[in-house]
C-alpha atoms as a PDB file:
ATOM      1  CA  MET A   1     -14.824 -13.058  10.740  1.00  0.00           C
ATOM      2  CA  SER A   2     -15.391 -10.384  13.255  1.00  0.00           C
ATOM      3  CA  PHE A   3     -13.393  -7.225  13.809  1.00  0.00           C
ATOM      4  CA  SER A   4     -11.666  -8.781  16.738  1.00  0.00           C
ATOM      5  CA  GLU A   5     -10.248 -11.561  14.691  1.00  0.00           C
ATOM      6  CA  TYR A   6      -8.445  -8.746  12.389  1.00  0.00           C
ATOM      7  CA  PHE A   7      -7.179  -6.735  15.166  1.00  0.00           C
ATOM      8  CA  PRO A   8      -4.385  -8.666  16.651  1.00  0.00           C
ATOM      9  CA  VAL A   9      -4.201  -6.710  19.816  1.00  0.00           C
ATOM     10  CA  TYR A  10      -7.917  -6.621  20.689  1.00  0.00           C
ATOM     11  CA  ASN A  11      -7.730  -9.467  23.194  1.00  0.00           C
ATOM     12  CA  LYS A  12      -5.037  -7.408  25.155  1.00  0.00           C
ATOM     13  CA  LEU A  13      -7.457  -4.688  25.802  1.00  0.00           C
ATOM     14  CA  THR A  14      -9.602  -4.260  28.781  1.00  0.00           C
ATOM     15  CA  ALA A  15     -13.305  -4.963  28.509  1.00  0.00           C
ATOM     16  CA  ASP A  16     -14.109  -1.254  28.728  1.00  0.00           C
ATOM     17  CA  GLN A  17     -11.555  -0.397  25.981  1.00  0.00           C
ATOM     18  CA  GLN A  18     -13.008  -3.166  23.807  1.00  0.00           C
ATOM     19  CA  LYS A  19     -16.454  -1.786  24.360  1.00  0.00           C
ATOM     20  CA  LEU A  20     -15.300   1.848  23.364  1.00  0.00           C
ATOM     21  CA  ILE A  21     -13.740   0.556  20.168  1.00  0.00           C
ATOM     22  CA  ASP A  22     -16.636  -1.706  19.301  1.00  0.00           C
ATOM     23  CA  LYS A  23     -19.088   1.329  19.669  1.00  0.00           C
ATOM     24  CA  HIS A  24     -17.226   3.634  17.591  1.00  0.00           C
ATOM     25  CA  THR A  25     -15.619   1.506  14.991  1.00  0.00           C
ATOM     26  CA  PHE A  26     -17.322   1.303  11.628  1.00  0.00           C
ATOM     27  CA  LEU A  27     -16.968  -0.729   8.438  1.00  0.00           C
ATOM     28  CA  PHE A  28     -16.411   0.940   5.094  1.00  0.00           C
ATOM     29  CA  LYS A  29     -17.019  -0.492   1.684  1.00  0.00           C
ATOM     30  CA  GLN A  30     -15.419   1.361  -1.183  1.00  0.00           C
ATOM     31  CA  PRO A  31     -15.081   0.577  -5.052  1.00  0.00           C
ATOM     32  CA  LYS A  32     -11.748   0.398  -6.643  1.00  0.00           C
ATOM     33  CA  GLU A  33      -9.738   3.557  -7.592  1.00  0.00           C
ATOM     34  CA  LYS A  34     -11.408   5.554  -4.732  1.00  0.00           C
ATOM     35  CA  VAL A  35      -9.115   8.072  -2.593  1.00  0.00           C
ATOM     36  CA  ILE A  36     -10.163   7.244   1.074  1.00  0.00           C
ATOM     37  CA  HIS A  37      -7.432   9.383   2.587  1.00  0.00           C
ATOM     38  CA  ASN A  38      -5.448  12.477   1.902  1.00  0.00           C
ATOM     39  CA  SER A  39      -3.382  13.506   4.907  1.00  0.00           C
ATOM     40  CA  GLY A  40      -3.493  17.076   3.526  1.00  0.00           C
ATOM     41  CA  GLU A  41      -7.149  17.295   4.058  1.00  0.00           C
ATOM     42  CA  ASP A  42      -8.291  14.712   6.602  1.00  0.00           C
ATOM     43  CA  CYS A  43      -7.423  12.466   9.364  1.00  0.00           C
ATOM     44  CA  LEU A  44      -9.260   9.032   8.765  1.00  0.00           C
ATOM     45  CA  GLY A  45      -8.119   7.044  11.611  1.00  0.00           C
ATOM     46  CA  LEU A  46      -6.751   3.536  12.103  1.00  0.00           C
ATOM     47  CA  LEU A  47      -7.490   1.172   9.206  1.00  0.00           C
ATOM     48  CA  VAL A  48      -8.162  -2.560   9.612  1.00  0.00           C
ATOM     49  CA  ILE A  49      -8.469  -4.250   6.232  1.00  0.00           C
ATOM     50  CA  ARG A  50     -11.057  -6.822   5.762  1.00  0.00           C
ATOM     51  CA  SER A  51     -10.837  -7.401   2.046  1.00  0.00           C
ATOM     52  CA  GLY A  52      -9.324  -5.902  -1.223  1.00  0.00           C
ATOM     53  CA  GLN A  53      -6.294  -3.991  -1.891  1.00  0.00           C
ATOM     54  CA  LEU A  54      -5.138  -0.506  -0.893  1.00  0.00           C
ATOM     55  CA  ARG A  55      -2.288   1.679  -2.215  1.00  0.00           C
ATOM     56  CA  VAL A  56      -0.237   3.956  -0.008  1.00  0.00           C
ATOM     57  CA  TYR A  57       1.673   6.637  -2.173  1.00  0.00           C
ATOM     58  CA  ILE A  58       2.995  10.203  -2.091  1.00  0.00           C
ATOM     59  CA  VAL A  59       2.995  12.962  -4.692  1.00  0.00           C
ATOM     60  CA  SER A  60       5.884  15.150  -5.655  1.00  0.00           C
ATOM     61  CA  GLU A  61       5.585  18.903  -5.988  1.00  0.00           C
ATOM     62  CA  ASP A  62       5.523  18.396  -9.864  1.00  0.00           C
ATOM     63  CA  GLY A  63       2.506  15.823  -9.618  1.00  0.00           C
ATOM     64  CA  ARG A  64       4.745  12.657  -9.945  1.00  0.00           C
ATOM     65  CA  GLU A  65       3.364   9.738  -7.885  1.00  0.00           C
ATOM     66  CA  ILE A  66       5.443   6.927  -6.165  1.00  0.00           C
ATOM     67  CA  THR A  67       3.908   3.784  -4.398  1.00  0.00           C
ATOM     68  CA  LEU A  68       5.270   3.345  -0.829  1.00  0.00           C
ATOM     69  CA  TYR A  69       3.459  -0.026  -0.369  1.00  0.00           C
ATOM     70  CA  ARG A  70       0.255  -1.913  -0.547  1.00  0.00           C
ATOM     71  CA  LEU A  71      -2.354  -2.977   2.108  1.00  0.00           C
ATOM     72  CA  PHE A  72      -4.124  -6.388   1.889  1.00  0.00           C
ATOM     73  CA  GLU A  73      -6.534  -8.390   3.924  1.00  0.00           C
ATOM     74  CA  HIS A  74      -5.577  -8.337   7.775  1.00  0.00           C
ATOM     75  CA  ASP A  75      -3.104  -5.412   7.339  1.00  0.00           C
ATOM     76  CA  ILE A  76      -3.416  -2.398   9.631  1.00  0.00           C
ATOM     77  CA  CYS A  77      -2.611   1.139   8.370  1.00  0.00           C
ATOM     78  CA  LEU A  78      -1.413   3.492  10.930  1.00  0.00           C
ATOM     79  CA  LEU A  79      -0.419   6.387   8.850  1.00  0.00           C
ATOM     80  CA  SER A  80      -4.000   7.199   8.183  1.00  0.00           C
ATOM     81  CA  ALA A  81      -4.133   8.218  11.811  1.00  0.00           C
ATOM     82  CA  SER A  82      -0.877  10.135  11.896  1.00  0.00           C
ATOM     83  CA  CYS A  83      -2.541  13.279  13.048  1.00  0.00           C
ATOM     84  CA  VAL A  84      -2.897  11.897  16.640  1.00  0.00           C
ATOM     85  CA  MET A  85       0.865  11.258  16.798  1.00  0.00           C
ATOM     86  CA  ASN A  86       2.937  14.201  18.297  1.00  0.00           C
ATOM     87  CA  ASN A  87       5.352  15.833  15.908  1.00  0.00           C
ATOM     88  CA  ILE A  88       4.741  13.204  13.117  1.00  0.00           C
ATOM     89  CA  GLN A  89       2.895  14.239   9.916  1.00  0.00           C
ATOM     90  CA  PHE A  90       2.690  12.171   6.812  1.00  0.00           C
ATOM     91  CA  ASP A  91       1.548  13.668   3.542  1.00  0.00           C
ATOM     92  CA  ILE A  92       0.346  10.471   2.010  1.00  0.00           C
ATOM     93  CA  ILE A  93      -2.717   9.404  -0.080  1.00  0.00           C
ATOM     94  CA  ILE A  94      -4.405   6.136   0.267  1.00  0.00           C
ATOM     95  CA  GLU A  95      -6.680   4.749  -2.396  1.00  0.00           C
ATOM     96  CA  THR A  96      -8.297   1.419  -3.118  1.00  0.00           C
ATOM     97  CA  GLU A  97      -6.821  -0.581  -6.026  1.00  0.00           C
ATOM     98  CA  LYS A  98      -9.567  -3.213  -5.822  1.00  0.00           C
ATOM     99  CA  ASP A  99     -13.271  -3.206  -4.300  1.00  0.00           C
ATOM    100  CA  SER A 100     -12.222  -3.123  -0.586  1.00  0.00           C
ATOM    101  CA  GLU A 101     -13.729  -3.404   2.881  1.00  0.00           C
ATOM    102  CA  PHE A 102     -12.014  -1.969   5.982  1.00  0.00           C
ATOM    103  CA  TRP A 103     -12.807  -0.935   9.480  1.00  0.00           C
ATOM    104  CA  VAL A 104     -11.868   2.439  10.696  1.00  0.00           C
ATOM    105  CA  ILE A 105     -11.221   3.327  14.276  1.00  0.00           C
ATOM    106  CA  PRO A 106     -11.591   7.042  14.614  1.00  0.00           C
ATOM    107  CA  PRO A 107      -8.507   9.014  15.557  1.00  0.00           C
ATOM    108  CA  ASP A 108      -9.827  10.284  18.841  1.00  0.00           C
ATOM    109  CA  ILE A 109     -10.891   6.794  20.054  1.00  0.00           C
ATOM    110  CA  TYR A 110      -7.523   5.318  18.787  1.00  0.00           C
ATOM    111  CA  LYS A 111      -5.697   7.918  20.678  1.00  0.00           C
ATOM    112  CA  GLU A 112      -7.698   7.663  23.901  1.00  0.00           C
ATOM    113  CA  VAL A 113      -7.232   3.756  24.022  1.00  0.00           C
ATOM    114  CA  SER A 114      -3.570   3.904  22.921  1.00  0.00           C
ATOM    115  CA  GLN A 115      -2.911   6.375  25.893  1.00  0.00           C
ATOM    116  CA  GLN A 116      -4.363   3.758  28.388  1.00  0.00           C
ATOM    117  CA  SER A 117      -3.180   0.589  26.837  1.00  0.00           C
ATOM    118  CA  ALA A 118       0.671  -0.283  26.658  1.00  0.00           C
ATOM    119  CA  ALA A 119      -0.335  -3.210  24.480  1.00  0.00           C
ATOM    120  CA  LEU A 120      -1.895  -1.034  21.696  1.00  0.00           C
ATOM    121  CA  ALA A 121       0.868   1.525  22.097  1.00  0.00           C
ATOM    122  CA  ASN A 122       3.515  -1.069  21.700  1.00  0.00           C
ATOM    123  CA  TYR A 123       1.741  -2.627  18.675  1.00  0.00           C
ATOM    124  CA  ALA A 124       1.496   0.887  17.145  1.00  0.00           C
ATOM    125  CA  ASN A 125       5.187   1.261  17.492  1.00  0.00           C
ATOM    126  CA  ASP A 126       5.638  -2.037  15.697  1.00  0.00           C
ATOM    127  CA  LEU A 127       3.340  -0.949  12.734  1.00  0.00           C
ATOM    128  CA  MET A 128       5.289   2.289  12.385  1.00  0.00           C
ATOM    129  CA  ALA A 129       8.607   0.407  12.489  1.00  0.00           C
ATOM    130  CA  GLY A 130       7.317  -1.917   9.694  1.00  0.00           C
ATOM    131  CA  SER A 131       6.061   0.860   7.643  1.00  0.00           C
ATOM    132  CA  PHE A 132       9.349   2.663   7.955  1.00  0.00           C
ATOM    133  CA  SER A 133      11.302  -0.516   7.023  1.00  0.00           C
ATOM    134  CA  GLU A 134       9.196  -0.854   3.766  1.00  0.00           C
ATOM    135  CA  VAL A 135       9.938   2.950   2.836  1.00  0.00           C
ATOM    136  CA  MET A 136      13.615   2.476   3.545  1.00  0.00           C
ATOM    137  CA  TRP A 137      13.549  -0.685   1.217  1.00  0.00           C
ATOM    138  CA  LEU A 138      12.107   1.304  -1.447  1.00  0.00           C
ATOM    139  CA  VAL A 139      14.556   4.136  -1.119  1.00  0.00           C
ATOM    140  CA  GLU A 140      17.383   1.659  -1.435  1.00  0.00           C
ATOM    141  CA  GLN A 141      15.676   0.211  -4.625  1.00  0.00           C
ATOM    142  CA  ILE A 142      15.342   3.597  -6.070  1.00  0.00           C
ATOM    143  CA  MET A 143      19.052   4.690  -5.247  1.00  0.00           C
ATOM    144  CA  TRP A 144      20.928   1.449  -6.054  1.00  0.00           C
ATOM    145  CA  LYS A 145      18.851  -0.424  -8.641  1.00  0.00           C
ATOM    146  CA  SER A 146      18.530   0.451 -12.241  1.00  0.00           C
ATOM    147  CA  MET A 147      15.151   0.990 -13.701  1.00  0.00           C
ATOM    148  CA  ASP A 148      15.041  -2.191 -15.873  1.00  0.00           C
ATOM    149  CA  LYS A 149      15.658  -4.230 -12.844  1.00  0.00           C
ATOM    150  CA  ARG A 150      13.034  -2.394 -10.807  1.00  0.00           C
ATOM    151  CA  LEU A 151      10.571  -2.761 -13.560  1.00  0.00           C
ATOM    152  CA  ALA A 152      11.270  -6.532 -13.927  1.00  0.00           C
ATOM    153  CA  ALA A 153      10.696  -6.947 -10.272  1.00  0.00           C
ATOM    154  CA  PHE A 154       7.466  -4.928 -10.345  1.00  0.00           C
ATOM    155  CA  LEU A 155       5.999  -6.961 -13.296  1.00  0.00           C
ATOM    156  CA  LEU A 156       6.648 -10.179 -11.469  1.00  0.00           C
ATOM    157  CA  GLU A 157       5.125  -8.805  -8.289  1.00  0.00           C
ATOM    158  CA  GLU A 158       1.993  -7.740 -10.014  1.00  0.00           C
ATOM    159  CA  SER A 159       1.574 -11.172 -11.783  1.00  0.00           C
ATOM    160  CA  ALA A 160       1.824 -12.838  -8.539  1.00  0.00           C
ATOM    161  CA  LEU A 161      -0.706 -10.469  -6.891  1.00  0.00           C
ATOM    162  CA  GLU A 162      -3.047 -11.034  -9.806  1.00  0.00           C
ATOM    163  CA  ASP A 163      -2.223 -14.623 -10.272  1.00  0.00           C
ATOM    164  CA  SER A 164      -2.046 -14.031 -14.141  1.00  0.00           C
ATOM    165  CA  ASP A 165       0.728 -13.612 -16.680  1.00  0.00           C
ATOM    166  CA  ILE A 166      -1.469 -10.942 -18.400  1.00  0.00           C
ATOM    167  CA  LEU A 167      -1.615  -7.758 -16.628  1.00  0.00           C
ATOM    168  CA  GLN A 168      -4.524  -5.280 -17.189  1.00  0.00           C
ATOM    169  CA  MET A 169      -2.255  -2.176 -16.601  1.00  0.00           C
ATOM    170  CA  THR A 170      -1.411   0.992 -18.475  1.00  0.00           C
ATOM    171  CA  HIS A 171       2.117   2.308 -18.783  1.00  0.00           C
ATOM    172  CA  GLU A 172       0.865   5.597 -16.925  1.00  0.00           C
ATOM    173  CA  LYS A 173      -0.126   3.489 -14.027  1.00  0.00           C
ATOM    174  CA  ILE A 174       3.109   1.643 -13.794  1.00  0.00           C
ATOM    175  CA  ALA A 175       4.880   4.811 -13.878  1.00  0.00           C
ATOM    176  CA  ASN A 176       2.885   6.211 -11.029  1.00  0.00           C
ATOM    177  CA  HIS A 177       3.635   3.108  -8.989  1.00  0.00           C
ATOM    178  CA  MET A 178       7.365   3.595  -9.761  1.00  0.00           C
ATOM    179  CA  GLY A 179       7.807   7.280  -9.484  1.00  0.00           C
ATOM    180  CA  THR A 180       8.873   7.964 -12.928  1.00  0.00           C
ATOM    181  CA  ALA A 181       7.609   9.192 -16.303  1.00  0.00           C
ATOM    182  CA  ARG A 182       5.286   7.154 -18.645  1.00  0.00           C
ATOM    183  CA  GLU A 183       7.863   7.549 -21.406  1.00  0.00           C
ATOM    184  CA  VAL A 184      10.448   5.859 -19.450  1.00  0.00           C
ATOM    185  CA  ILE A 185       8.292   2.966 -18.805  1.00  0.00           C
ATOM    186  CA  THR A 186       7.162   2.766 -22.392  1.00  0.00           C
ATOM    187  CA  ARG A 187      10.840   2.624 -23.617  1.00  0.00           C
ATOM    188  CA  MET A 188      11.644   0.045 -21.198  1.00  0.00           C
ATOM    189  CA  LEU A 189       8.690  -2.171 -21.937  1.00  0.00           C
ATOM    190  CA  ARG A 190       9.462  -1.997 -25.673  1.00  0.00           C
ATOM    191  CA  TYR A 191      13.004  -3.111 -24.864  1.00  0.00           C
ATOM    192  CA  PHE A 192      11.637  -6.000 -22.925  1.00  0.00           C
ATOM    193  CA  GLN A 193       9.284  -6.858 -25.726  1.00  0.00           C
ATOM    194  CA  GLY A 194      12.355  -6.842 -28.157  1.00  0.00           C
ATOM    195  CA  GLU A 195      14.038  -9.295 -25.841  1.00  0.00           C
ATOM    196  CA  GLU A 196      10.927 -11.444 -25.829  1.00  0.00           C
ATOM    197  CA  MET A 197      10.246 -11.196 -22.104  1.00  0.00           C
ATOM    198  CA  VAL A 198       6.878  -9.495 -22.555  1.00  0.00           C
ATOM    199  CA  LYS A 199       4.256  -8.962 -25.247  1.00  0.00           C
ATOM    200  CA  LEU A 200       2.458  -5.528 -25.424  1.00  0.00           C
ATOM    201  CA  ARG A 201      -1.062  -4.913 -26.387  1.00  0.00           C
ATOM    202  CA  ARG A 202      -3.303  -1.974 -25.858  1.00  0.00           C
ATOM    203  CA  GLY A 203      -3.924  -1.710 -22.065  1.00  0.00           C
ATOM    204  CA  THR A 204      -2.312  -5.057 -21.313  1.00  0.00           C
ATOM    205  CA  ILE A 205       1.208  -6.614 -20.791  1.00  0.00           C
ATOM    206  CA  GLU A 206       1.692 -10.285 -21.032  1.00  0.00           C
ATOM    207  CA  LEU A 207       4.653 -11.849 -19.373  1.00  0.00           C
ATOM    208  CA  THR A 208       6.098 -14.260 -21.969  1.00  0.00           C
ATOM    209  CA  ASN A 209       9.437 -15.145 -20.130  1.00  0.00           C
ATOM    210  CA  LYS A 210       9.222 -14.789 -16.411  1.00  0.00           C
ATOM    211  CA  LYS A 211      12.481 -16.746 -15.958  1.00  0.00           C
ATOM    212  CA  ALA A 212      14.419 -13.989 -17.919  1.00  0.00           C
ATOM    213  CA  LEU A 213      12.500 -11.271 -15.947  1.00  0.00           C
ATOM    214  CA  GLY A 214      13.560 -12.976 -12.704  1.00  0.00           C
ATOM    215  CA  GLN A 215      17.082 -13.188 -13.717  1.00  0.00           C
ATOM    216  CA  LEU A 216      17.184  -9.666 -14.684  1.00  0.00           C
ATOM    217  CA  ALA A 217      15.504  -8.453 -11.384  1.00  0.00           C
ATOM    218  CA  ARG A 218      17.853 -10.498  -9.408  1.00  0.00           C
ATOM    219  CA  SER A 219      21.148  -9.377 -11.341  1.00  0.00           C
END
């Protein structure tokens, strides 16, 4: 599939705007666990995901990470081009969680076309609203849900993403996703194991009772 089929607003642009984007947009291929954007250091541009899986996260002053959301095939990332938006700066990091391919519209090209095209500007507003909603959902989870419920939900989400009941994931990696310490995750997983909801092995977590995890996540 071509770039235009992954960029929903493409057909609403003029022919000249399409030519400008086609001329300057380029395709990146990156291996997993590769940082592709750090807003403290660069301004990558608008990302259009062709394949793979990307993680968008922030880092606290003491070095603790928390995942804001993931990006998958056909997703668009606007925050990687936040430098072109007036009075808005996002100190975020984007890395590949799997081998990934994505198109990049350079920030100056994106800004030029969005200033000309109401369709692209409105689409960008919708993207920003969606990102804000996801972050607000995360804040609500952190504020109002206990860690055991959040962890149960996280494990089930990962199982669905990987289509497997066995997760190749360290306690440190889970802690980074959830914005907590590794020791907290280790204690909670050991509790889950004692309740026969998971089975722990070095570097892997097997979900042995997804029904109980689901009940815990929803309680």
